[in-house]
Amino acid sequence: MKVLVTGVKGQLGYDVVKELEERNIEAIGVDIEEMDITDSESVQQVIKGVCPDAVIHCAAYTAVDAAEDNADICTKVNVDGTRNIAQVCKELDIKMLYISTDYVFDGKGERAWEPEDERNPQSVYGQTKCDGELAVQELLDKYFIVRIAWVFGINGKNFVKTMLKLAETRNSLTVVDDQFGSPTYTYDLAKLLADMIVTDKYGIYHATNEGICSWYEFACEIFRAAGVEMEVKPVSTAEYGAKAARPANSRMSKEKLVENGFSKMPPWQDALKRYLEELSLNG
């Protein structure tokens, strides 16, 4: 099997290529230098040149606050780029796995979101990822849409690295305590995506590590697990004042994974522990 992976320089794309290669699945990782997803001709040329059996589309515009002021470029990447890829997958009759997000929901209530729940994004970023999902569904039958949240990995920036970096120069921090979700380790997620792409169990899935916490609780656990002394003060979303709306409820049901024969990922605390060990090994 041959799989083309977009966004190879990002956290998830990097780990997906690594995982596929470990399974002796031929993986071709591309980023903007090799294939500009917003250029339909570039997408046509590269994918048809590689002629893969599947595409795992990890590339995205993910700067949530910046997207509020850059709606055009965010739309170009997340909607047009996704549609360009889906169009070629349709022409070649190959599978596409599209990485989406909890931001497609309005984040209200406390119930875990089901894959088929109504989408109601509250931010530019969320709207573009939602429109990307719709483009995939409109064009393809052989698709997986996998919604993820609160991602951290070795390659690239994330909340864990930010917290540890801030700890180098500060002894107290304020972190939002009224948004709830599940931290997700790209190493674990890549294994699940590799399990998924070799099947034909198409549809929409949710994929995060197990367990729920607030960003505040996540930060406290990061410092505890890393053995770092830090005073973490809880703050509300309103007090924090981010530009883009964040979902207060990012709880996502993963029962559909089990129903289709896939394994749930380990608890986020376990994932964090392994990630911190990996970070220390990588210096």
C-alpha atoms as a PDB file:
ATOM      1  CA  MET A   1       0.000   0.000   0.000  1.00  0.00           C
ATOM      2  CA  LYS A   2       1.130   3.545  -0.757  1.00  0.00           C
ATOM      3  CA  VAL A   3      -0.149   6.541   1.239  1.00  0.00           C
ATOM      4  CA  LEU A   4       0.411  10.251   0.544  1.00  0.00           C
ATOM      5  CA  VAL A   5       0.442  12.354   3.729  1.00  0.00           C
ATOM      6  CA  THR A   6       0.015  16.150   3.619  1.00  0.00           C
ATOM      7  CA  GLY A   7       1.433  18.463   6.281  1.00  0.00           C
ATOM      8  CA  VAL A   8       4.476  16.274   6.964  1.00  0.00           C
ATOM      9  CA  LYS A   9       6.235  19.169   8.725  1.00  0.00           C
ATOM     10  CA  GLY A  10       3.434  19.448  11.271  1.00  0.00           C
ATOM     11  CA  GLN A  11       2.982  17.522  14.516  1.00  0.00           C
ATOM     12  CA  LEU A  12       0.569  14.917  13.210  1.00  0.00           C
ATOM     13  CA  GLY A  13       1.782  14.523   9.621  1.00  0.00           C
ATOM     14  CA  TYR A  14       5.303  13.860  10.908  1.00  0.00           C
ATOM     15  CA  ASP A  15       4.143  11.074  13.233  1.00  0.00           C
ATOM     16  CA  VAL A  16       1.768   9.554  10.662  1.00  0.00           C
ATOM     17  CA  VAL A  17       4.577   9.124   8.110  1.00  0.00           C
ATOM     18  CA  LYS A  18       6.809   7.645  10.810  1.00  0.00           C
ATOM     19  CA  GLU A  19       4.106   5.167  11.895  1.00  0.00           C
ATOM     20  CA  LEU A  20       3.257   4.076   8.345  1.00  0.00           C
ATOM     21  CA  GLU A  21       6.934   3.483   7.577  1.00  0.00           C
ATOM     22  CA  GLU A  22       7.305   1.370  10.726  1.00  0.00           C
ATOM     23  CA  ARG A  23       4.494  -0.830   9.372  1.00  0.00           C
ATOM     24  CA  ASN A  24       6.252  -1.160   6.007  1.00  0.00           C
ATOM     25  CA  ILE A  25       3.550   0.899   4.330  1.00  0.00           C
ATOM     26  CA  GLU A  26       5.049   3.198   1.697  1.00  0.00           C
ATOM     27  CA  ALA A  27       4.504   6.771   2.921  1.00  0.00           C
ATOM     28  CA  ILE A  28       5.118   9.892   0.857  1.00  0.00           C
ATOM     29  CA  GLY A  29       5.087  12.989   3.059  1.00  0.00           C
ATOM     30  CA  VAL A  30       4.553  16.381   1.417  1.00  0.00           C
ATOM     31  CA  ASP A  31       4.340  19.953   2.660  1.00  0.00           C
ATOM     32  CA  ILE A  32       3.836  23.278   0.903  1.00  0.00           C
ATOM     33  CA  GLU A  33       7.226  23.083  -0.859  1.00  0.00           C
ATOM     34  CA  GLU A  34       6.288  19.823  -2.592  1.00  0.00           C
ATOM     35  CA  MET A  35       2.553  20.417  -3.022  1.00  0.00           C
ATOM     36  CA  ASP A  36       0.694  23.699  -2.492  1.00  0.00           C
ATOM     37  CA  ILE A  37      -2.763  22.399  -1.635  1.00  0.00           C
ATOM     38  CA  THR A  38      -4.356  25.749  -2.575  1.00  0.00           C
ATOM     39  CA  ASP A  39      -3.118  25.277  -6.170  1.00  0.00           C
ATOM     40  CA  SER A  40      -5.352  22.697  -7.862  1.00  0.00           C
ATOM     41  CA  GLU A  41      -2.817  22.074 -10.652  1.00  0.00           C
ATOM     42  CA  SER A  42      -0.071  21.360  -8.114  1.00  0.00           C
ATOM     43  CA  VAL A  43      -2.392  18.947  -6.270  1.00  0.00           C
ATOM     44  CA  GLN A  44      -3.367  17.182  -9.512  1.00  0.00           C
ATOM     45  CA  GLN A  45       0.239  16.861 -10.644  1.00  0.00           C
ATOM     46  CA  VAL A  46       1.671  15.591  -7.339  1.00  0.00           C
ATOM     47  CA  ILE A  47      -1.068  13.135  -6.361  1.00  0.00           C
ATOM     48  CA  LYS A  48      -1.380  11.711  -9.878  1.00  0.00           C
ATOM     49  CA  GLY A  49       2.416  11.489 -10.054  1.00  0.00           C
ATOM     50  CA  VAL A  50       2.581   9.526  -6.803  1.00  0.00           C
ATOM     51  CA  CYS A  51      -0.575   7.510  -7.613  1.00  0.00           C
ATOM     52  CA  PRO A  52      -1.225   6.481  -3.992  1.00  0.00           C
ATOM     53  CA  ASP A  53      -3.870   4.109  -2.654  1.00  0.00           C
ATOM     54  CA  ALA A  54      -4.927   6.714  -0.082  1.00  0.00           C
ATOM     55  CA  VAL A  55      -4.330  10.291   1.083  1.00  0.00           C
ATOM     56  CA  ILE A  56      -4.159  11.278   4.754  1.00  0.00           C
ATOM     57  CA  HIS A  57      -4.760  15.022   4.774  1.00  0.00           C
ATOM     58  CA  CYS A  58      -3.156  16.547   7.878  1.00  0.00           C
ATOM     59  CA  ALA A  59      -2.176  19.954   6.418  1.00  0.00           C
ATOM     60  CA  ALA A  60      -4.282  22.859   7.686  1.00  0.00           C
ATOM     61  CA  TYR A  61      -4.350  26.495   8.724  1.00  0.00           C
ATOM     62  CA  THR A  62      -4.632  26.121  12.504  1.00  0.00           C
ATOM     63  CA  ALA A  63      -3.854  29.597  13.924  1.00  0.00           C
ATOM     64  CA  VAL A  64      -7.299  29.990  15.506  1.00  0.00           C
ATOM     65  CA  ASP A  65      -7.021  33.638  16.590  1.00  0.00           C
ATOM     66  CA  ALA A  66      -5.131  34.800  13.492  1.00  0.00           C
ATOM     67  CA  ALA A  67      -7.845  33.210  11.349  1.00  0.00           C
ATOM     68  CA  GLU A  68     -10.321  35.836  12.571  1.00  0.00           C
ATOM     69  CA  ASP A  69      -8.294  38.475  10.697  1.00  0.00           C
ATOM     70  CA  ASN A  70      -7.185  36.204   7.855  1.00  0.00           C
ATOM     71  CA  ALA A  71     -10.408  34.494   6.826  1.00  0.00           C
ATOM     72  CA  ASP A  72      -9.450  34.452   3.134  1.00  0.00           C
ATOM     73  CA  ILE A  73      -6.191  32.534   3.549  1.00  0.00           C
ATOM     74  CA  CYS A  74      -7.733  30.241   6.182  1.00  0.00           C
ATOM     75  CA  THR A  75     -10.571  29.418   3.757  1.00  0.00           C
ATOM     76  CA  LYS A  76      -8.141  28.939   0.878  1.00  0.00           C
ATOM     77  CA  VAL A  77      -6.143  26.372   2.848  1.00  0.00           C
ATOM     78  CA  ASN A  78      -8.834  24.575   4.854  1.00  0.00           C
ATOM     79  CA  VAL A  79     -11.679  24.581   2.353  1.00  0.00           C
ATOM     80  CA  ASP A  80     -10.269  25.045  -1.160  1.00  0.00           C
ATOM     81  CA  GLY A  81      -7.160  22.984  -0.369  1.00  0.00           C
ATOM     82  CA  THR A  82      -9.246  20.140   1.025  1.00  0.00           C
ATOM     83  CA  ARG A  83     -11.605  20.267  -1.954  1.00  0.00           C
ATOM     84  CA  ASN A  84      -8.656  20.157  -4.372  1.00  0.00           C
ATOM     85  CA  ILE A  85      -7.386  16.960  -2.721  1.00  0.00           C
ATOM     86  CA  ALA A  86     -10.849  15.381  -2.540  1.00  0.00           C
ATOM     87  CA  GLN A  87     -11.370  16.096  -6.251  1.00  0.00           C
ATOM     88  CA  VAL A  88      -8.236  14.149  -7.231  1.00  0.00           C
ATOM     89  CA  CYS A  89      -9.124  11.312  -4.831  1.00  0.00           C
ATOM     90  CA  LYS A  90     -12.483  11.111  -6.607  1.00  0.00           C
ATOM     91  CA  GLU A  91     -10.840  11.022 -10.053  1.00  0.00           C
ATOM     92  CA  LEU A  92      -8.404   8.290  -8.973  1.00  0.00           C
ATOM     93  CA  ASP A  93     -11.072   6.447  -6.918  1.00  0.00           C
ATOM     94  CA  ILE A  94      -8.840   6.339  -3.818  1.00  0.00           C
ATOM     95  CA  LYS A  95      -9.480   6.738  -0.083  1.00  0.00           C
ATOM     96  CA  MET A  96      -9.144  10.074   1.698  1.00  0.00           C
ATOM     97  CA  LEU A  97      -8.730  10.599   5.422  1.00  0.00           C
ATOM     98  CA  TYR A  98      -9.400  14.216   6.439  1.00  0.00           C
ATOM     99  CA  ILE A  99      -8.297  15.514   9.829  1.00  0.00           C
ATOM    100  CA  SER A 100     -10.923  17.784  11.370  1.00  0.00           C
ATOM    101  CA  THR A 101     -11.583  19.310  14.784  1.00  0.00           C
ATOM    102  CA  ASP A 102     -13.882  19.765  17.773  1.00  0.00           C
ATOM    103  CA  TYR A 103     -14.280  23.397  16.601  1.00  0.00           C
ATOM    104  CA  VAL A 104     -16.988  22.287  14.135  1.00  0.00           C
ATOM    105  CA  PHE A 105     -19.349  22.170  17.155  1.00  0.00           C
ATOM    106  CA  ASP A 106     -20.656  25.138  19.148  1.00  0.00           C
ATOM    107  CA  GLY A 107     -19.097  23.835  22.371  1.00  0.00           C
ATOM    108  CA  LYS A 108     -22.288  24.167  24.420  1.00  0.00           C
ATOM    109  CA  GLY A 109     -23.541  21.791  27.109  1.00  0.00           C
ATOM    110  CA  GLU A 110     -21.623  19.027  28.868  1.00  0.00           C
ATOM    111  CA  ARG A 111     -22.579  15.952  26.843  1.00  0.00           C
ATOM    112  CA  ALA A 112     -19.859  14.322  24.741  1.00  0.00           C
ATOM    113  CA  TRP A 113     -20.317  15.165  21.060  1.00  0.00           C
ATOM    114  CA  GLU A 114     -21.302  12.270  18.807  1.00  0.00           C
ATOM    115  CA  PRO A 115     -19.846  12.096  15.271  1.00  0.00           C
ATOM    116  CA  GLU A 116     -23.252  12.690  13.678  1.00  0.00           C
ATOM    117  CA  ASP A 117     -24.209  15.667  15.887  1.00  0.00           C
ATOM    118  CA  GLU A 118     -25.129  18.914  14.170  1.00  0.00           C
ATOM    119  CA  ARG A 119     -22.188  21.114  13.238  1.00  0.00           C
ATOM    120  CA  ASN A 120     -22.402  24.710  14.390  1.00  0.00           C
ATOM    121  CA  PRO A 121     -18.952  26.349  14.343  1.00  0.00           C
ATOM    122  CA  GLN A 122     -18.434  29.606  16.241  1.00  0.00           C
ATOM    123  CA  SER A 123     -15.146  30.813  14.730  1.00  0.00           C
ATOM    124  CA  VAL A 124     -13.594  31.391  11.305  1.00  0.00           C
ATOM    125  CA  TYR A 125     -11.265  28.429  11.844  1.00  0.00           C
ATOM    126  CA  GLY A 126     -14.166  26.189  12.924  1.00  0.00           C
ATOM    127  CA  GLN A 127     -16.256  27.252   9.922  1.00  0.00           C
ATOM    128  CA  THR A 128     -13.454  26.477   7.470  1.00  0.00           C
ATOM    129  CA  LYS A 129     -12.860  23.018   8.956  1.00  0.00           C
ATOM    130  CA  CYS A 130     -16.617  22.387   8.830  1.00  0.00           C
ATOM    131  CA  ASP A 131     -16.715  23.456   5.161  1.00  0.00           C
ATOM    132  CA  GLY A 132     -13.745  21.168   4.518  1.00  0.00           C
ATOM    133  CA  GLU A 133     -15.743  18.254   5.949  1.00  0.00           C
ATOM    134  CA  LEU A 134     -18.701  19.128   3.728  1.00  0.00           C
ATOM    135  CA  ALA A 135     -16.466  19.232   0.627  1.00  0.00           C
ATOM    136  CA  VAL A 136     -15.129  15.752   1.422  1.00  0.00           C
ATOM    137  CA  GLN A 137     -18.621  14.367   2.004  1.00  0.00           C
ATOM    138  CA  GLU A 138     -19.979  15.991  -1.131  1.00  0.00           C
ATOM    139  CA  LEU A 139     -17.274  14.616  -3.438  1.00  0.00           C
ATOM    140  CA  LEU A 140     -16.389  11.217  -1.974  1.00  0.00           C
ATOM    141  CA  ASP A 141     -17.813   7.915  -0.809  1.00  0.00           C
ATOM    142  CA  LYS A 142     -14.467   6.484   0.321  1.00  0.00           C
ATOM    143  CA  TYR A 143     -13.689   8.925   3.105  1.00  0.00           C
ATOM    144  CA  PHE A 144     -12.780   9.062   6.777  1.00  0.00           C
ATOM    145  CA  ILE A 145     -13.314  12.325   8.657  1.00  0.00           C
ATOM    146  CA  VAL A 146     -11.432  12.176  11.960  1.00  0.00           C
ATOM    147  CA  ARG A 147     -12.048  14.959  14.456  1.00  0.00           C
ATOM    148  CA  ILE A 148      -9.230  15.552  16.923  1.00  0.00           C
ATOM    149  CA  ALA A 149      -8.551  18.032  19.746  1.00  0.00           C
ATOM    150  CA  TRP A 150      -5.858  19.437  22.053  1.00  0.00           C
ATOM    151  CA  VAL A 151      -3.001  17.868  20.097  1.00  0.00           C
ATOM    152  CA  PHE A 152       0.619  17.599  21.234  1.00  0.00           C
ATOM    153  CA  GLY A 153       3.562  15.919  19.508  1.00  0.00           C
ATOM    154  CA  ILE A 154       7.330  15.979  19.129  1.00  0.00           C
ATOM    155  CA  ASN A 155       7.358  17.985  15.901  1.00  0.00           C
ATOM    156  CA  GLY A 156       6.087  21.570  16.131  1.00  0.00           C
ATOM    157  CA  LYS A 157       4.480  23.856  18.703  1.00  0.00           C
ATOM    158  CA  ASN A 158       1.856  22.831  21.260  1.00  0.00           C
ATOM    159  CA  PHE A 159       0.431  23.625  24.699  1.00  0.00           C
ATOM    160  CA  VAL A 160       2.824  21.306  26.562  1.00  0.00           C
ATOM    161  CA  LYS A 161       5.915  22.880  25.007  1.00  0.00           C
ATOM    162  CA  THR A 162       4.504  26.371  25.611  1.00  0.00           C
ATOM    163  CA  MET A 163       3.915  25.657  29.302  1.00  0.00           C
ATOM    164  CA  LEU A 164       7.426  24.226  29.784  1.00  0.00           C
ATOM    165  CA  LYS A 165       8.978  27.153  27.898  1.00  0.00           C
ATOM    166  CA  LEU A 166       7.119  29.706  30.039  1.00  0.00           C
ATOM    167  CA  ALA A 167       8.321  27.896  33.167  1.00  0.00           C
ATOM    168  CA  GLU A 168      11.893  28.808  32.223  1.00  0.00           C
ATOM    169  CA  THR A 169      11.244  32.500  32.900  1.00  0.00           C
ATOM    170  CA  ARG A 170       8.176  32.589  35.185  1.00  0.00           C
ATOM    171  CA  ASN A 171       7.038  31.065  38.453  1.00  0.00           C
ATOM    172  CA  SER A 172       3.298  31.666  38.043  1.00  0.00           C
ATOM    173  CA  LEU A 173       0.806  31.392  35.174  1.00  0.00           C
ATOM    174  CA  THR A 174      -2.914  31.858  34.567  1.00  0.00           C
ATOM    175  CA  VAL A 175      -4.693  29.150  32.555  1.00  0.00           C
ATOM    176  CA  VAL A 176      -8.324  28.857  31.454  1.00  0.00           C
ATOM    177  CA  ASP A 177     -10.375  26.537  33.671  1.00  0.00           C
ATOM    178  CA  ASP A 178     -13.808  26.551  31.965  1.00  0.00           C
ATOM    179  CA  GLN A 179     -12.987  24.759  28.704  1.00  0.00           C
ATOM    180  CA  PHE A 180     -13.030  20.948  28.852  1.00  0.00           C
ATOM    181  CA  GLY A 181     -11.609  18.366  26.475  1.00  0.00           C
ATOM    182  CA  SER A 182      -9.114  15.543  25.976  1.00  0.00           C
ATOM    183  CA  PRO A 183      -5.404  16.113  25.326  1.00  0.00           C
ATOM    184  CA  THR A 184      -4.231  13.990  22.388  1.00  0.00           C
ATOM    185  CA  TYR A 185      -0.734  12.634  21.709  1.00  0.00           C
ATOM    186  CA  THR A 186       0.074  12.487  17.991  1.00  0.00           C
ATOM    187  CA  TYR A 187       2.087   9.280  18.524  1.00  0.00           C
ATOM    188  CA  ASP A 188      -1.078   7.474  19.712  1.00  0.00           C
ATOM    189  CA  LEU A 189      -3.253   9.175  17.106  1.00  0.00           C
ATOM    190  CA  ALA A 190      -0.915   8.177  14.266  1.00  0.00           C
ATOM    191  CA  LYS A 191      -1.278   4.515  15.268  1.00  0.00           C
ATOM    192  CA  LEU A 192      -5.064   4.783  15.098  1.00  0.00           C
ATOM    193  CA  LEU A 193      -4.980   6.539  11.707  1.00  0.00           C
ATOM    194  CA  ALA A 194      -2.643   3.852  10.354  1.00  0.00           C
ATOM    195  CA  ASP A 195      -5.075   1.182  11.621  1.00  0.00           C
ATOM    196  CA  MET A 196      -7.937   3.025   9.944  1.00  0.00           C
ATOM    197  CA  ILE A 197      -6.469   3.761   6.511  1.00  0.00           C
ATOM    198  CA  VAL A 198      -5.986   0.057   5.658  1.00  0.00           C
ATOM    199  CA  THR A 199      -9.727  -0.598   6.168  1.00  0.00           C
ATOM    200  CA  ASP A 200     -12.877   0.412   4.326  1.00  0.00           C
ATOM    201  CA  LYS A 201     -14.755   1.351   7.513  1.00  0.00           C
ATOM    202  CA  TYR A 202     -15.546   4.812   6.183  1.00  0.00           C
ATOM    203  CA  GLY A 203     -17.351   7.609   8.014  1.00  0.00           C
ATOM    204  CA  ILE A 204     -16.894  10.307  10.662  1.00  0.00           C
ATOM    205  CA  TYR A 205     -14.939   9.460  13.817  1.00  0.00           C
ATOM    206  CA  HIS A 206     -13.745  11.215  16.947  1.00  0.00           C
ATOM    207  CA  ALA A 207     -10.217  10.444  18.114  1.00  0.00           C
ATOM    208  CA  THR A 208      -8.628  11.772  21.305  1.00  0.00           C
ATOM    209  CA  ASN A 209      -6.851  10.186  24.228  1.00  0.00           C
ATOM    210  CA  GLU A 210      -9.186   8.972  26.979  1.00  0.00           C
ATOM    211  CA  GLY A 211     -10.193  11.163  29.929  1.00  0.00           C
ATOM    212  CA  ILE A 212     -11.415  14.735  30.326  1.00  0.00           C
ATOM    213  CA  CYS A 213      -9.781  17.796  31.898  1.00  0.00           C
ATOM    214  CA  SER A 214      -9.736  21.588  31.701  1.00  0.00           C
ATOM    215  CA  TRP A 215      -6.764  23.463  30.273  1.00  0.00           C
ATOM    216  CA  TYR A 216      -5.976  24.472  33.855  1.00  0.00           C
ATOM    217  CA  GLU A 217      -5.948  20.828  34.991  1.00  0.00           C
ATOM    218  CA  PHE A 218      -3.856  19.901  31.966  1.00  0.00           C
ATOM    219  CA  ALA A 219      -1.300  22.598  32.832  1.00  0.00           C
ATOM    220  CA  CYS A 220      -1.140  21.464  36.475  1.00  0.00           C
ATOM    221  CA  GLU A 221      -0.498  17.870  35.366  1.00  0.00           C
ATOM    222  CA  ILE A 222       2.202  18.976  32.889  1.00  0.00           C
ATOM    223  CA  PHE A 223       4.176  20.693  35.660  1.00  0.00           C
ATOM    224  CA  ARG A 224       3.567  17.875  38.147  1.00  0.00           C
ATOM    225  CA  ALA A 225       4.671  15.185  35.676  1.00  0.00           C
ATOM    226  CA  ALA A 226       7.684  17.240  34.571  1.00  0.00           C
ATOM    227  CA  GLY A 227       8.722  17.924  38.174  1.00  0.00           C
ATOM    228  CA  VAL A 228       8.501  21.703  37.680  1.00  0.00           C
ATOM    229  CA  GLU A 229       7.520  24.065  40.508  1.00  0.00           C
ATOM    230  CA  MET A 230       4.873  26.416  39.142  1.00  0.00           C
ATOM    231  CA  GLU A 231       1.918  28.308  40.582  1.00  0.00           C
ATOM    232  CA  VAL A 232      -0.985  27.848  38.165  1.00  0.00           C
ATOM    233  CA  LYS A 233      -3.949  30.158  38.657  1.00  0.00           C
ATOM    234  CA  PRO A 234      -7.347  29.382  37.097  1.00  0.00           C
ATOM    235  CA  VAL A 235      -8.974  32.059  34.922  1.00  0.00           C
ATOM    236  CA  SER A 236     -12.253  32.131  32.982  1.00  0.00           C
ATOM    237  CA  THR A 237     -12.432  32.276  29.182  1.00  0.00           C
ATOM    238  CA  ALA A 238     -14.070  35.708  29.441  1.00  0.00           C
ATOM    239  CA  GLU A 239     -11.261  37.010  31.667  1.00  0.00           C
ATOM    240  CA  TYR A 240      -8.586  35.545  29.377  1.00  0.00           C
ATOM    241  CA  GLY A 241     -10.112  37.303  26.365  1.00  0.00           C
ATOM    242  CA  ALA A 242      -8.899  35.388  23.276  1.00  0.00           C
ATOM    243  CA  LYS A 243      -9.876  36.823  19.881  1.00  0.00           C
ATOM    244  CA  ALA A 244     -11.622  33.707  18.533  1.00  0.00           C
ATOM    245  CA  ALA A 245     -14.411  31.857  20.319  1.00  0.00           C
ATOM    246  CA  ARG A 246     -13.246  28.591  21.919  1.00  0.00           C
ATOM    247  CA  PRO A 247     -15.552  25.622  22.573  1.00  0.00           C
ATOM    248  CA  ALA A 248     -16.243  25.317  26.309  1.00  0.00           C
ATOM    249  CA  ASN A 249     -17.207  21.693  25.744  1.00  0.00           C
ATOM    250  CA  SER A 250     -14.805  19.690  23.583  1.00  0.00           C
ATOM    251  CA  ARG A 251     -15.791  16.317  25.028  1.00  0.00           C
ATOM    252  CA  MET A 252     -16.095  13.857  22.126  1.00  0.00           C
ATOM    253  CA  SER A 253     -17.566  10.367  22.142  1.00  0.00           C
ATOM    254  CA  LYS A 254     -15.247   7.670  20.778  1.00  0.00           C
ATOM    255  CA  GLU A 255     -17.718   4.765  20.936  1.00  0.00           C
ATOM    256  CA  LYS A 256     -17.892   4.601  17.135  1.00  0.00           C
ATOM    257  CA  LEU A 257     -14.208   3.602  17.084  1.00  0.00           C
ATOM    258  CA  VAL A 258     -14.943   0.534  19.205  1.00  0.00           C
ATOM    259  CA  GLU A 259     -18.094  -0.296  17.239  1.00  0.00           C
ATOM    260  CA  ASN A 260     -15.954  -0.471  14.084  1.00  0.00           C
ATOM    261  CA  GLY A 261     -13.200  -2.598  15.591  1.00  0.00           C
ATOM    262  CA  PHE A 262     -10.681   0.152  16.376  1.00  0.00           C
ATOM    263  CA  SER A 263      -9.019   0.552  19.780  1.00  0.00           C
ATOM    264  CA  LYS A 264      -9.477   3.635  21.930  1.00  0.00           C
ATOM    265  CA  MET A 265      -6.287   5.511  22.778  1.00  0.00           C
ATOM    266  CA  PRO A 266      -4.703   5.377  26.268  1.00  0.00           C
ATOM    267  CA  PRO A 267      -5.591   7.903  29.021  1.00  0.00           C
ATOM    268  CA  TRP A 268      -4.179  11.381  28.381  1.00  0.00           C
ATOM    269  CA  GLN A 269      -2.156  11.321  31.626  1.00  0.00           C
ATOM    270  CA  ASP A 270      -0.315   8.221  30.398  1.00  0.00           C
ATOM    271  CA  ALA A 271       0.188   9.837  26.982  1.00  0.00           C
ATOM    272  CA  LEU A 272       1.601  12.984  28.610  1.00  0.00           C
ATOM    273  CA  LYS A 273       4.036  10.948  30.712  1.00  0.00           C
ATOM    274  CA  ARG A 274       5.340   9.139  27.621  1.00  0.00           C
ATOM    275  CA  TYR A 275       5.535  12.409  25.682  1.00  0.00           C
ATOM    276  CA  LEU A 276       7.602  14.117  28.386  1.00  0.00           C
ATOM    277  CA  GLU A 277       9.983  11.144  28.392  1.00  0.00           C
ATOM    278  CA  GLU A 278      10.273  11.437  24.606  1.00  0.00           C
ATOM    279  CA  LEU A 279      10.920  15.183  24.868  1.00  0.00           C
ATOM    280  CA  SER A 280      13.728  14.650  27.364  1.00  0.00           C
ATOM    281  CA  LEU A 281      15.304  12.016  25.096  1.00  0.00           C
ATOM    282  CA  ASN A 282      15.175  14.452  22.197  1.00  0.00           C
ATOM    283  CA  GLY A 283      16.725  17.198  24.310  1.00  0.00           C
END
